[in-house]
Amino acid sequence: MTTPLVSTEIATQPDTWRQAAALAPSSPLPRRGQRVAVVGCGTSWFIAQAYAARREGLGHGVTDAFAASEFPTGRDYDLVVAISRSGTTSEVLTLLRKLRGNVPTLAIIGDPDSPGREAADEVVTLPFADERSVVQTRFATSTLSLLRAGLGEDVESLAAAAKDAVRWSAPSALLERTQITFLGRGWSVGLAHEAALKCREAALAWTESYPAMDYRHGPKAISDENSAVVFLGSRPDGLVEEVEATGALALWFDEDPQLTLVRCQLFAVAYALSRGLDPDRPRHLTRSIILSGE
């Protein structure tokens, strides 16, 4: 069988993370102390959530994340950062045009020839991280690497560790489960949402995602011997034992949650292939979402 495009794109992430981080010193990224909002749609929104929590958690300033269609235009921000792989996402372009002249904007896009380049006041392009597959992987994590480098984080060490992560194979015990829940804490909550989305897109899988502590407040009811619960980041005391008591498989890795997201990408592809699906061409989806009338 031909290797899916998304598999090749996942494997390149150590290199694309380094290239993205190298752009940080010369890029107009958020400055310490600025009030920042980050927007996107789908995967880009979940990366926005992760970055917003990470930036604020590291003490760089108030940072919020919104789906582009739900941005509260009455709020006061020093900068709005918009993430769009294609640079053609309707809701993102509509918002950037609405904000022009009122709030400074920065777009992070994959396609340098897209409308996104002209819609924002400033732009950072990551053409080396753009993708042919509908399912986003390396653009999302490369954008996060760029933003994390802008926070002063060590992306080089992260990329070095990713060389092992991209070679990981999902265990058969995980592939046999029919329901998967992804849990995160702090900035990895956004990554948990993204992991769940990857499996829904690529494998049409029943996946859910929550802040880890919230698993106890209802989601736990669906867990049984057909389930798996994957932790991205730290695990609350006693929660692994609660998961296992339901019969579900508990899985975690003691590593940066961005690396665990790579493993979740690989699982999504393997899960799709095990079900006879093409992970490059998810049902009902296209690479760019352009709404009619926009």
C-alpha atoms as a PDB file:
ATOM      1  CA  MET A   1       0.000   0.000   0.000  1.00  0.00           C
ATOM      2  CA  THR A   2       1.206   3.507  -0.818  1.00  0.00           C
ATOM      3  CA  THR A   3       2.445   5.444   2.195  1.00  0.00           C
ATOM      4  CA  PRO A   4      -0.118   8.148   3.052  1.00  0.00           C
ATOM      5  CA  LEU A   5       0.986  11.723   2.505  1.00  0.00           C
ATOM      6  CA  VAL A   6       0.184  12.504   6.116  1.00  0.00           C
ATOM      7  CA  SER A   7       2.649   9.846   7.291  1.00  0.00           C
ATOM      8  CA  THR A   8       5.447  11.511   5.355  1.00  0.00           C
ATOM      9  CA  GLU A   9       4.438  14.909   6.684  1.00  0.00           C
ATOM     10  CA  ILE A  10       4.403  13.656  10.280  1.00  0.00           C
ATOM     11  CA  ALA A  11       7.923  12.280   9.856  1.00  0.00           C
ATOM     12  CA  THR A  12       9.325  15.668   8.788  1.00  0.00           C
ATOM     13  CA  GLN A  13       8.303  17.456  11.975  1.00  0.00           C
ATOM     14  CA  PRO A  14      11.705  17.546  13.699  1.00  0.00           C
ATOM     15  CA  ASP A  15      13.063  19.528  10.722  1.00  0.00           C
ATOM     16  CA  THR A  16      10.068  21.801  10.291  1.00  0.00           C
ATOM     17  CA  TRP A  17      10.067  22.618  14.016  1.00  0.00           C
ATOM     18  CA  ARG A  18      13.689  23.754  13.748  1.00  0.00           C
ATOM     19  CA  GLN A  19      12.949  25.856  10.676  1.00  0.00           C
ATOM     20  CA  ALA A  20       9.970  27.476  12.376  1.00  0.00           C
ATOM     21  CA  ALA A  21      11.913  28.244  15.558  1.00  0.00           C
ATOM     22  CA  ALA A  22      14.697  29.838  13.504  1.00  0.00           C
ATOM     23  CA  LEU A  23      12.181  32.426  12.260  1.00  0.00           C
ATOM     24  CA  ALA A  24      11.215  33.560  15.762  1.00  0.00           C
ATOM     25  CA  PRO A  25      13.942  36.183  16.362  1.00  0.00           C
ATOM     26  CA  SER A  26      13.044  38.091  13.195  1.00  0.00           C
ATOM     27  CA  SER A  27       9.265  37.621  13.383  1.00  0.00           C
ATOM     28  CA  PRO A  28       6.729  40.126  14.803  1.00  0.00           C
ATOM     29  CA  LEU A  29       5.534  37.706  17.493  1.00  0.00           C
ATOM     30  CA  PRO A  30       3.716  38.826  20.654  1.00  0.00           C
ATOM     31  CA  ARG A  31       5.924  40.773  23.063  1.00  0.00           C
ATOM     32  CA  ARG A  32       6.014  40.225  26.791  1.00  0.00           C
ATOM     33  CA  GLY A  33       3.292  42.246  28.495  1.00  0.00           C
ATOM     34  CA  GLN A  34       1.006  42.602  25.478  1.00  0.00           C
ATOM     35  CA  ARG A  35      -2.647  41.614  25.762  1.00  0.00           C
ATOM     36  CA  VAL A  36      -3.014  39.042  22.999  1.00  0.00           C
ATOM     37  CA  ALA A  37      -5.846  37.086  21.399  1.00  0.00           C
ATOM     38  CA  VAL A  38      -5.130  34.085  19.174  1.00  0.00           C
ATOM     39  CA  VAL A  39      -7.725  32.828  16.698  1.00  0.00           C
ATOM     40  CA  GLY A  40      -8.163  29.980  14.263  1.00  0.00           C
ATOM     41  CA  CYS A  41     -10.572  27.300  13.111  1.00  0.00           C
ATOM     42  CA  GLY A  42     -10.428  23.581  13.829  1.00  0.00           C
ATOM     43  CA  THR A  43      -6.841  22.485  14.383  1.00  0.00           C
ATOM     44  CA  SER A  44      -5.622  26.084  14.328  1.00  0.00           C
ATOM     45  CA  TRP A  45      -8.044  26.978  17.119  1.00  0.00           C
ATOM     46  CA  PHE A  46      -6.752  24.146  19.283  1.00  0.00           C
ATOM     47  CA  ILE A  47      -3.149  25.249  18.693  1.00  0.00           C
ATOM     48  CA  ALA A  48      -4.275  28.754  19.637  1.00  0.00           C
ATOM     49  CA  GLN A  49      -5.671  27.372  22.891  1.00  0.00           C
ATOM     50  CA  ALA A  50      -2.412  25.592  23.697  1.00  0.00           C
ATOM     51  CA  TYR A  51      -0.283  28.651  22.976  1.00  0.00           C
ATOM     52  CA  ALA A  52      -2.573  31.006  24.877  1.00  0.00           C
ATOM     53  CA  ALA A  53      -2.390  28.875  28.010  1.00  0.00           C
ATOM     54  CA  ARG A  54       1.361  28.388  27.618  1.00  0.00           C
ATOM     55  CA  ARG A  55       2.086  32.102  27.112  1.00  0.00           C
ATOM     56  CA  GLU A  56      -0.021  33.189  30.045  1.00  0.00           C
ATOM     57  CA  GLY A  57       1.297  30.364  32.226  1.00  0.00           C
ATOM     58  CA  LEU A  58       4.882  31.484  31.574  1.00  0.00           C
ATOM     59  CA  GLY A  59       4.020  35.018  32.672  1.00  0.00           C
ATOM     60  CA  HIS A  60       4.177  36.757  29.296  1.00  0.00           C
ATOM     61  CA  GLY A  61       0.785  38.419  29.619  1.00  0.00           C
ATOM     62  CA  VAL A  62      -2.951  37.984  29.223  1.00  0.00           C
ATOM     63  CA  THR A  63      -3.627  35.641  26.305  1.00  0.00           C
ATOM     64  CA  ASP A  64      -7.003  34.405  25.089  1.00  0.00           C
ATOM     65  CA  ALA A  65      -7.936  31.967  22.338  1.00  0.00           C
ATOM     66  CA  PHE A  66     -11.102  31.969  20.239  1.00  0.00           C
ATOM     67  CA  ALA A  67     -12.612  30.237  17.261  1.00  0.00           C
ATOM     68  CA  ALA A  68     -12.333  32.931  14.597  1.00  0.00           C
ATOM     69  CA  SER A  69     -16.108  33.018  14.150  1.00  0.00           C
ATOM     70  CA  GLU A  70     -16.616  33.710  17.869  1.00  0.00           C
ATOM     71  CA  PHE A  71     -14.097  36.502  18.454  1.00  0.00           C
ATOM     72  CA  PRO A  72     -15.520  39.104  20.891  1.00  0.00           C
ATOM     73  CA  THR A  73     -14.846  42.277  18.922  1.00  0.00           C
ATOM     74  CA  GLY A  74     -15.668  44.507  21.892  1.00  0.00           C
ATOM     75  CA  ARG A  75     -12.604  43.420  23.880  1.00  0.00           C
ATOM     76  CA  ASP A  76      -9.375  45.380  24.079  1.00  0.00           C
ATOM     77  CA  TYR A  77      -6.241  43.616  22.785  1.00  0.00           C
ATOM     78  CA  ASP A  78      -2.805  44.868  21.779  1.00  0.00           C
ATOM     79  CA  LEU A  79      -2.481  42.182  19.111  1.00  0.00           C
ATOM     80  CA  VAL A  80      -4.621  39.524  17.444  1.00  0.00           C
ATOM     81  CA  VAL A  81      -2.752  36.522  16.047  1.00  0.00           C
ATOM     82  CA  ALA A  82      -4.586  34.509  13.386  1.00  0.00           C
ATOM     83  CA  ILE A  83      -3.489  30.982  12.420  1.00  0.00           C
ATOM     84  CA  SER A  84      -4.493  29.496   9.059  1.00  0.00           C
ATOM     85  CA  ARG A  85      -2.599  26.812   7.147  1.00  0.00           C
ATOM     86  CA  SER A  86      -4.204  27.659   3.814  1.00  0.00           C
ATOM     87  CA  GLY A  87      -4.507  31.395   4.347  1.00  0.00           C
ATOM     88  CA  THR A  88      -7.977  31.137   2.792  1.00  0.00           C
ATOM     89  CA  THR A  89     -10.145  30.178   5.790  1.00  0.00           C
ATOM     90  CA  SER A  90     -13.291  32.279   5.450  1.00  0.00           C
ATOM     91  CA  GLU A  91     -13.880  33.044   9.126  1.00  0.00           C
ATOM     92  CA  VAL A  92     -10.245  34.060   9.644  1.00  0.00           C
ATOM     93  CA  LEU A  93     -10.157  36.375   6.623  1.00  0.00           C
ATOM     94  CA  THR A  94     -13.497  37.941   7.583  1.00  0.00           C
ATOM     95  CA  LEU A  95     -12.231  38.685  11.088  1.00  0.00           C
ATOM     96  CA  LEU A  96      -8.902  40.106   9.914  1.00  0.00           C
ATOM     97  CA  ARG A  97     -10.695  42.469   7.533  1.00  0.00           C
ATOM     98  CA  LYS A  98     -13.043  43.549  10.316  1.00  0.00           C
ATOM     99  CA  LEU A  99     -10.131  44.290  12.646  1.00  0.00           C
ATOM    100  CA  ARG A 100      -8.038  46.223  10.127  1.00  0.00           C
ATOM    101  CA  GLY A 101      -7.338  49.729  11.376  1.00  0.00           C
ATOM    102  CA  ASN A 102      -8.717  48.952  14.824  1.00  0.00           C
ATOM    103  CA  VAL A 103      -6.421  46.266  16.293  1.00  0.00           C
ATOM    104  CA  PRO A 104      -2.943  45.251  15.069  1.00  0.00           C
ATOM    105  CA  THR A 105      -3.028  41.766  13.534  1.00  0.00           C
ATOM    106  CA  LEU A 106      -0.519  39.047  12.726  1.00  0.00           C
ATOM    107  CA  ALA A 107      -1.267  36.082  10.466  1.00  0.00           C
ATOM    108  CA  ILE A 108       0.698  32.825  10.574  1.00  0.00           C
ATOM    109  CA  ILE A 109       0.021  30.954   7.342  1.00  0.00           C
ATOM    110  CA  GLY A 110       1.425  28.102   5.290  1.00  0.00           C
ATOM    111  CA  ASP A 111       0.783  29.365   1.757  1.00  0.00           C
ATOM    112  CA  PRO A 112       2.681  32.620   1.076  1.00  0.00           C
ATOM    113  CA  ASP A 113       0.594  33.293  -2.027  1.00  0.00           C
ATOM    114  CA  SER A 114      -2.772  33.115  -0.258  1.00  0.00           C
ATOM    115  CA  PRO A 115      -5.150  35.999   0.594  1.00  0.00           C
ATOM    116  CA  GLY A 116      -4.046  35.703   4.222  1.00  0.00           C
ATOM    117  CA  ARG A 117      -0.810  37.458   3.340  1.00  0.00           C
ATOM    118  CA  GLU A 118      -2.612  40.709   2.546  1.00  0.00           C
ATOM    119  CA  ALA A 119      -5.413  40.451   5.114  1.00  0.00           C
ATOM    120  CA  ALA A 120      -3.249  41.034   8.206  1.00  0.00           C
ATOM    121  CA  ASP A 121      -0.961  43.877   9.197  1.00  0.00           C
ATOM    122  CA  GLU A 122       1.965  41.488   9.668  1.00  0.00           C
ATOM    123  CA  VAL A 123       2.505  37.954   8.415  1.00  0.00           C
ATOM    124  CA  VAL A 124       4.788  34.985   9.066  1.00  0.00           C
ATOM    125  CA  THR A 125       4.731  32.286   6.402  1.00  0.00           C
ATOM    126  CA  LEU A 126       5.749  28.654   6.933  1.00  0.00           C
ATOM    127  CA  PRO A 127       5.769  27.221   3.389  1.00  0.00           C
ATOM    128  CA  PHE A 128       8.146  24.442   4.470  1.00  0.00           C
ATOM    129  CA  ALA A 129       5.441  23.208   6.855  1.00  0.00           C
ATOM    130  CA  ASP A 130       2.524  23.390   4.420  1.00  0.00           C
ATOM    131  CA  GLU A 131       0.868  20.089   3.592  1.00  0.00           C
ATOM    132  CA  ARG A 132      -0.835  18.189   0.784  1.00  0.00           C
ATOM    133  CA  SER A 133      -2.926  16.039   3.108  1.00  0.00           C
ATOM    134  CA  VAL A 134      -6.286  17.376   4.258  1.00  0.00           C
ATOM    135  CA  VAL A 135      -5.408  16.327   7.809  1.00  0.00           C
ATOM    136  CA  GLN A 136      -3.159  18.895   9.498  1.00  0.00           C
ATOM    137  CA  THR A 137      -0.106  17.713  11.371  1.00  0.00           C
ATOM    138  CA  ARG A 138       3.223  19.442  10.776  1.00  0.00           C
ATOM    139  CA  PHE A 139       1.836  22.928  10.074  1.00  0.00           C
ATOM    140  CA  ALA A 140       0.058  22.941  13.422  1.00  0.00           C
ATOM    141  CA  THR A 141       3.046  21.763  15.435  1.00  0.00           C
ATOM    142  CA  SER A 142       5.462  23.978  13.491  1.00  0.00           C
ATOM    143  CA  THR A 143       3.297  26.990  14.251  1.00  0.00           C
ATOM    144  CA  LEU A 144       3.337  26.026  17.908  1.00  0.00           C
ATOM    145  CA  SER A 145       7.127  25.629  17.734  1.00  0.00           C
ATOM    146  CA  LEU A 146       7.465  29.117  16.262  1.00  0.00           C
ATOM    147  CA  LEU A 147       5.306  30.570  19.010  1.00  0.00           C
ATOM    148  CA  ARG A 148       7.053  28.626  21.758  1.00  0.00           C
ATOM    149  CA  ALA A 149      10.421  29.792  20.464  1.00  0.00           C
ATOM    150  CA  GLY A 150       9.039  33.322  20.756  1.00  0.00           C
ATOM    151  CA  LEU A 151       8.468  32.585  24.440  1.00  0.00           C
ATOM    152  CA  GLY A 152      12.116  31.624  24.831  1.00  0.00           C
ATOM    153  CA  GLU A 153      11.533  27.864  24.942  1.00  0.00           C
ATOM    154  CA  ASP A 154      14.129  25.351  23.767  1.00  0.00           C
ATOM    155  CA  VAL A 155      12.670  24.059  20.514  1.00  0.00           C
ATOM    156  CA  GLU A 156      15.977  22.520  19.435  1.00  0.00           C
ATOM    157  CA  SER A 157      15.845  19.987  22.277  1.00  0.00           C
ATOM    158  CA  LEU A 158      12.183  19.365  21.515  1.00  0.00           C
ATOM    159  CA  ALA A 159      12.975  18.674  17.850  1.00  0.00           C
ATOM    160  CA  ALA A 160      15.773  16.299  18.850  1.00  0.00           C
ATOM    161  CA  ALA A 161      13.358  14.344  21.045  1.00  0.00           C
ATOM    162  CA  ALA A 162      10.804  14.291  18.225  1.00  0.00           C
ATOM    163  CA  LYS A 163      13.122  12.074  16.167  1.00  0.00           C
ATOM    164  CA  ASP A 164      12.116   9.225  18.437  1.00  0.00           C
ATOM    165  CA  ALA A 165       8.457  10.250  18.664  1.00  0.00           C
ATOM    166  CA  VAL A 166       7.939  10.173  14.872  1.00  0.00           C
ATOM    167  CA  ARG A 167       9.125   6.545  14.805  1.00  0.00           C
ATOM    168  CA  TRP A 168       6.613   5.386  17.411  1.00  0.00           C
ATOM    169  CA  SER A 169       4.092   2.676  16.541  1.00  0.00           C
ATOM    170  CA  ALA A 170       0.709   2.514  18.235  1.00  0.00           C
ATOM    171  CA  PRO A 171       0.377  -0.673  20.309  1.00  0.00           C
ATOM    172  CA  SER A 172      -2.223  -3.224  19.240  1.00  0.00           C
ATOM    173  CA  ALA A 173      -3.993  -2.840  22.603  1.00  0.00           C
ATOM    174  CA  LEU A 174      -4.733   0.780  21.680  1.00  0.00           C
ATOM    175  CA  LEU A 175      -5.767   0.032  18.097  1.00  0.00           C
ATOM    176  CA  GLU A 176      -8.280  -2.522  19.371  1.00  0.00           C
ATOM    177  CA  ARG A 177     -10.234   0.051  21.385  1.00  0.00           C
ATOM    178  CA  THR A 178     -13.389   1.570  19.911  1.00  0.00           C
ATOM    179  CA  GLN A 179     -13.645   4.684  22.071  1.00  0.00           C
ATOM    180  CA  ILE A 180     -10.743   7.011  22.917  1.00  0.00           C
ATOM    181  CA  THR A 181     -10.674   9.910  25.367  1.00  0.00           C
ATOM    182  CA  PHE A 182      -7.791  12.404  25.402  1.00  0.00           C
ATOM    183  CA  LEU A 183      -7.044  14.376  28.568  1.00  0.00           C
ATOM    184  CA  GLY A 184      -4.811  17.396  29.105  1.00  0.00           C
ATOM    185  CA  ARG A 185      -3.883  19.859  31.810  1.00  0.00           C
ATOM    186  CA  GLY A 186      -3.075  23.550  31.419  1.00  0.00           C
ATOM    187  CA  TRP A 187      -1.703  24.237  27.978  1.00  0.00           C
ATOM    188  CA  SER A 188      -2.018  20.583  26.938  1.00  0.00           C
ATOM    189  CA  VAL A 189      -5.837  20.775  27.049  1.00  0.00           C
ATOM    190  CA  GLY A 190      -5.716  22.336  23.579  1.00  0.00           C
ATOM    191  CA  LEU A 191      -3.426  19.540  22.437  1.00  0.00           C
ATOM    192  CA  ALA A 192      -5.865  16.949  23.799  1.00  0.00           C
ATOM    193  CA  HIS A 193      -8.631  18.551  21.726  1.00  0.00           C
ATOM    194  CA  GLU A 194      -6.363  18.431  18.681  1.00  0.00           C
ATOM    195  CA  ALA A 195      -5.486  14.761  19.270  1.00  0.00           C
ATOM    196  CA  ALA A 196      -9.164  13.878  19.407  1.00  0.00           C
ATOM    197  CA  LEU A 197      -9.853  15.837  16.228  1.00  0.00           C
ATOM    198  CA  LYS A 198      -7.089  13.969  14.375  1.00  0.00           C
ATOM    199  CA  CYS A 199      -8.747  10.636  15.124  1.00  0.00           C
ATOM    200  CA  ARG A 200     -12.199  11.902  14.188  1.00  0.00           C
ATOM    201  CA  GLU A 201     -10.937  13.308  10.890  1.00  0.00           C
ATOM    202  CA  ALA A 202      -8.629  10.525   9.784  1.00  0.00           C
ATOM    203  CA  ALA A 203     -10.383   7.469  11.211  1.00  0.00           C
ATOM    204  CA  LEU A 204     -14.017   8.525  11.804  1.00  0.00           C
ATOM    205  CA  ALA A 205     -13.382   7.456  15.396  1.00  0.00           C
ATOM    206  CA  TRP A 206     -15.450   8.020  18.537  1.00  0.00           C
ATOM    207  CA  THR A 207     -13.099  10.331  20.401  1.00  0.00           C
ATOM    208  CA  GLU A 208     -13.618  12.880  23.137  1.00  0.00           C
ATOM    209  CA  SER A 209     -11.312  15.319  24.928  1.00  0.00           C
ATOM    210  CA  TYR A 210     -11.421  17.177  28.236  1.00  0.00           C
ATOM    211  CA  PRO A 211      -9.339  18.863  30.888  1.00  0.00           C
ATOM    212  CA  ALA A 212      -8.053  15.904  32.884  1.00  0.00           C
ATOM    213  CA  MET A 213      -9.816  16.801  36.123  1.00  0.00           C
ATOM    214  CA  ASP A 214     -13.129  17.111  34.294  1.00  0.00           C
ATOM    215  CA  TYR A 215     -13.022  13.427  33.317  1.00  0.00           C
ATOM    216  CA  ARG A 216     -14.439  12.681  36.757  1.00  0.00           C
ATOM    217  CA  HIS A 217     -17.432  14.948  36.141  1.00  0.00           C
ATOM    218  CA  GLY A 218     -19.388  12.848  33.658  1.00  0.00           C
ATOM    219  CA  PRO A 219     -17.067  11.670  30.853  1.00  0.00           C
ATOM    220  CA  LYS A 220     -15.927   8.770  33.008  1.00  0.00           C
ATOM    221  CA  ALA A 221     -19.343   7.164  32.458  1.00  0.00           C
ATOM    222  CA  ILE A 222     -18.528   6.138  28.876  1.00  0.00           C
ATOM    223  CA  SER A 223     -15.280   4.351  29.753  1.00  0.00           C
ATOM    224  CA  ASP A 224     -15.266   0.556  29.721  1.00  0.00           C
ATOM    225  CA  GLU A 225     -13.169  -2.333  28.447  1.00  0.00           C
ATOM    226  CA  ASN A 226     -13.568  -1.007  24.897  1.00  0.00           C
ATOM    227  CA  SER A 227     -12.109   2.389  25.792  1.00  0.00           C
ATOM    228  CA  ALA A 228      -8.695   3.980  26.093  1.00  0.00           C
ATOM    229  CA  VAL A 229      -7.776   7.184  27.913  1.00  0.00           C
ATOM    230  CA  VAL A 230      -4.656   8.970  26.681  1.00  0.00           C
ATOM    231  CA  PHE A 231      -3.017  11.605  28.872  1.00  0.00           C
ATOM    232  CA  LEU A 232      -1.137  14.529  27.332  1.00  0.00           C
ATOM    233  CA  GLY A 233       1.004  16.072  30.056  1.00  0.00           C
ATOM    234  CA  SER A 234       0.765  15.528  33.792  1.00  0.00           C
ATOM    235  CA  ARG A 235      -1.690  13.134  35.403  1.00  0.00           C
ATOM    236  CA  PRO A 236      -3.795  14.150  38.432  1.00  0.00           C
ATOM    237  CA  ASP A 237      -3.195  12.012  41.494  1.00  0.00           C
ATOM    238  CA  GLY A 238      -5.404   8.929  41.477  1.00  0.00           C
ATOM    239  CA  LEU A 239      -6.870   9.471  38.013  1.00  0.00           C
ATOM    240  CA  VAL A 240      -4.970   6.662  36.289  1.00  0.00           C
ATOM    241  CA  GLU A 241      -6.340   4.259  38.887  1.00  0.00           C
ATOM    242  CA  GLU A 242      -9.872   5.548  38.298  1.00  0.00           C
ATOM    243  CA  VAL A 243      -9.485   5.049  34.557  1.00  0.00           C
ATOM    244  CA  GLU A 244      -8.191   1.516  34.950  1.00  0.00           C
ATOM    245  CA  ALA A 245     -10.990   0.650  37.372  1.00  0.00           C
ATOM    246  CA  THR A 246     -13.485   1.233  34.528  1.00  0.00           C
ATOM    247  CA  GLY A 247     -11.705  -1.405  32.408  1.00  0.00           C
ATOM    248  CA  ALA A 248     -10.288   1.218  30.073  1.00  0.00           C
ATOM    249  CA  LEU A 249      -6.672   1.267  28.923  1.00  0.00           C
ATOM    250  CA  ALA A 250      -4.721   4.199  30.399  1.00  0.00           C
ATOM    251  CA  LEU A 251      -1.785   5.445  28.313  1.00  0.00           C
ATOM    252  CA  TRP A 252       0.713   8.230  28.986  1.00  0.00           C
ATOM    253  CA  PHE A 253       4.254   9.349  28.229  1.00  0.00           C
ATOM    254  CA  ASP A 254       6.559  11.304  30.523  1.00  0.00           C
ATOM    255  CA  GLU A 255       7.543  13.909  27.941  1.00  0.00           C
ATOM    256  CA  ASP A 256       6.634  17.316  26.569  1.00  0.00           C
ATOM    257  CA  PRO A 257       2.941  17.134  25.517  1.00  0.00           C
ATOM    258  CA  GLN A 258       3.824  18.343  22.025  1.00  0.00           C
ATOM    259  CA  LEU A 259       5.708  15.075  21.540  1.00  0.00           C
ATOM    260  CA  THR A 260       2.709  13.095  22.750  1.00  0.00           C
ATOM    261  CA  LEU A 261       0.593  14.920  20.171  1.00  0.00           C
ATOM    262  CA  VAL A 262       2.927  13.507  17.494  1.00  0.00           C
ATOM    263  CA  ARG A 263       2.241  10.009  18.832  1.00  0.00           C
ATOM    264  CA  CYS A 264      -1.485  10.756  18.667  1.00  0.00           C
ATOM    265  CA  GLN A 265      -1.103  11.801  15.031  1.00  0.00           C
ATOM    266  CA  LEU A 266       0.585   8.485  14.294  1.00  0.00           C
ATOM    267  CA  PHE A 267      -2.149   6.634  16.134  1.00  0.00           C
ATOM    268  CA  ALA A 268      -4.831   8.419  14.103  1.00  0.00           C
ATOM    269  CA  VAL A 269      -3.187   7.309  10.851  1.00  0.00           C
ATOM    270  CA  ALA A 270      -2.689   3.723  12.051  1.00  0.00           C
ATOM    271  CA  TYR A 271      -6.271   3.609  13.328  1.00  0.00           C
ATOM    272  CA  ALA A 272      -7.568   4.803   9.957  1.00  0.00           C
ATOM    273  CA  LEU A 273      -5.529   2.244   8.042  1.00  0.00           C
ATOM    274  CA  SER A 274      -6.662  -0.548  10.364  1.00  0.00           C
ATOM    275  CA  ARG A 275     -10.235   0.334   9.434  1.00  0.00           C
ATOM    276  CA  GLY A 276      -9.552   0.438   5.702  1.00  0.00           C
ATOM    277  CA  LEU A 277      -9.785   4.237   5.487  1.00  0.00           C
ATOM    278  CA  ASP A 278      -7.630   6.729   3.598  1.00  0.00           C
ATOM    279  CA  PRO A 279      -6.300   9.198   6.207  1.00  0.00           C
ATOM    280  CA  ASP A 280      -5.350  11.705   3.491  1.00  0.00           C
ATOM    281  CA  ARG A 281      -8.957  12.084   2.358  1.00  0.00           C
ATOM    282  CA  PRO A 282     -11.333  12.354   5.319  1.00  0.00           C
ATOM    283  CA  ARG A 283     -15.033  12.044   4.578  1.00  0.00           C
ATOM    284  CA  HIS A 284     -16.802  15.352   3.812  1.00  0.00           C
ATOM    285  CA  LEU A 285     -13.655  17.446   4.414  1.00  0.00           C
ATOM    286  CA  THR A 286     -11.424  19.580   2.181  1.00  0.00           C
ATOM    287  CA  ARG A 287      -7.993  21.080   2.770  1.00  0.00           C
ATOM    288  CA  SER A 288      -9.361  24.640   2.898  1.00  0.00           C
ATOM    289  CA  ILE A 289     -12.723  25.721   4.240  1.00  0.00           C
ATOM    290  CA  ILE A 290     -14.105  28.520   2.075  1.00  0.00           C
ATOM    291  CA  LEU A 291     -17.710  29.393   2.837  1.00  0.00           C
ATOM    292  CA  SER A 292     -19.988  30.514   0.042  1.00  0.00           C
ATOM    293  CA  GLY A 293     -20.839  34.181   0.232  1.00  0.00           C
ATOM    294  CA  GLU A 294     -17.666  35.066   2.132  1.00  0.00           C
END
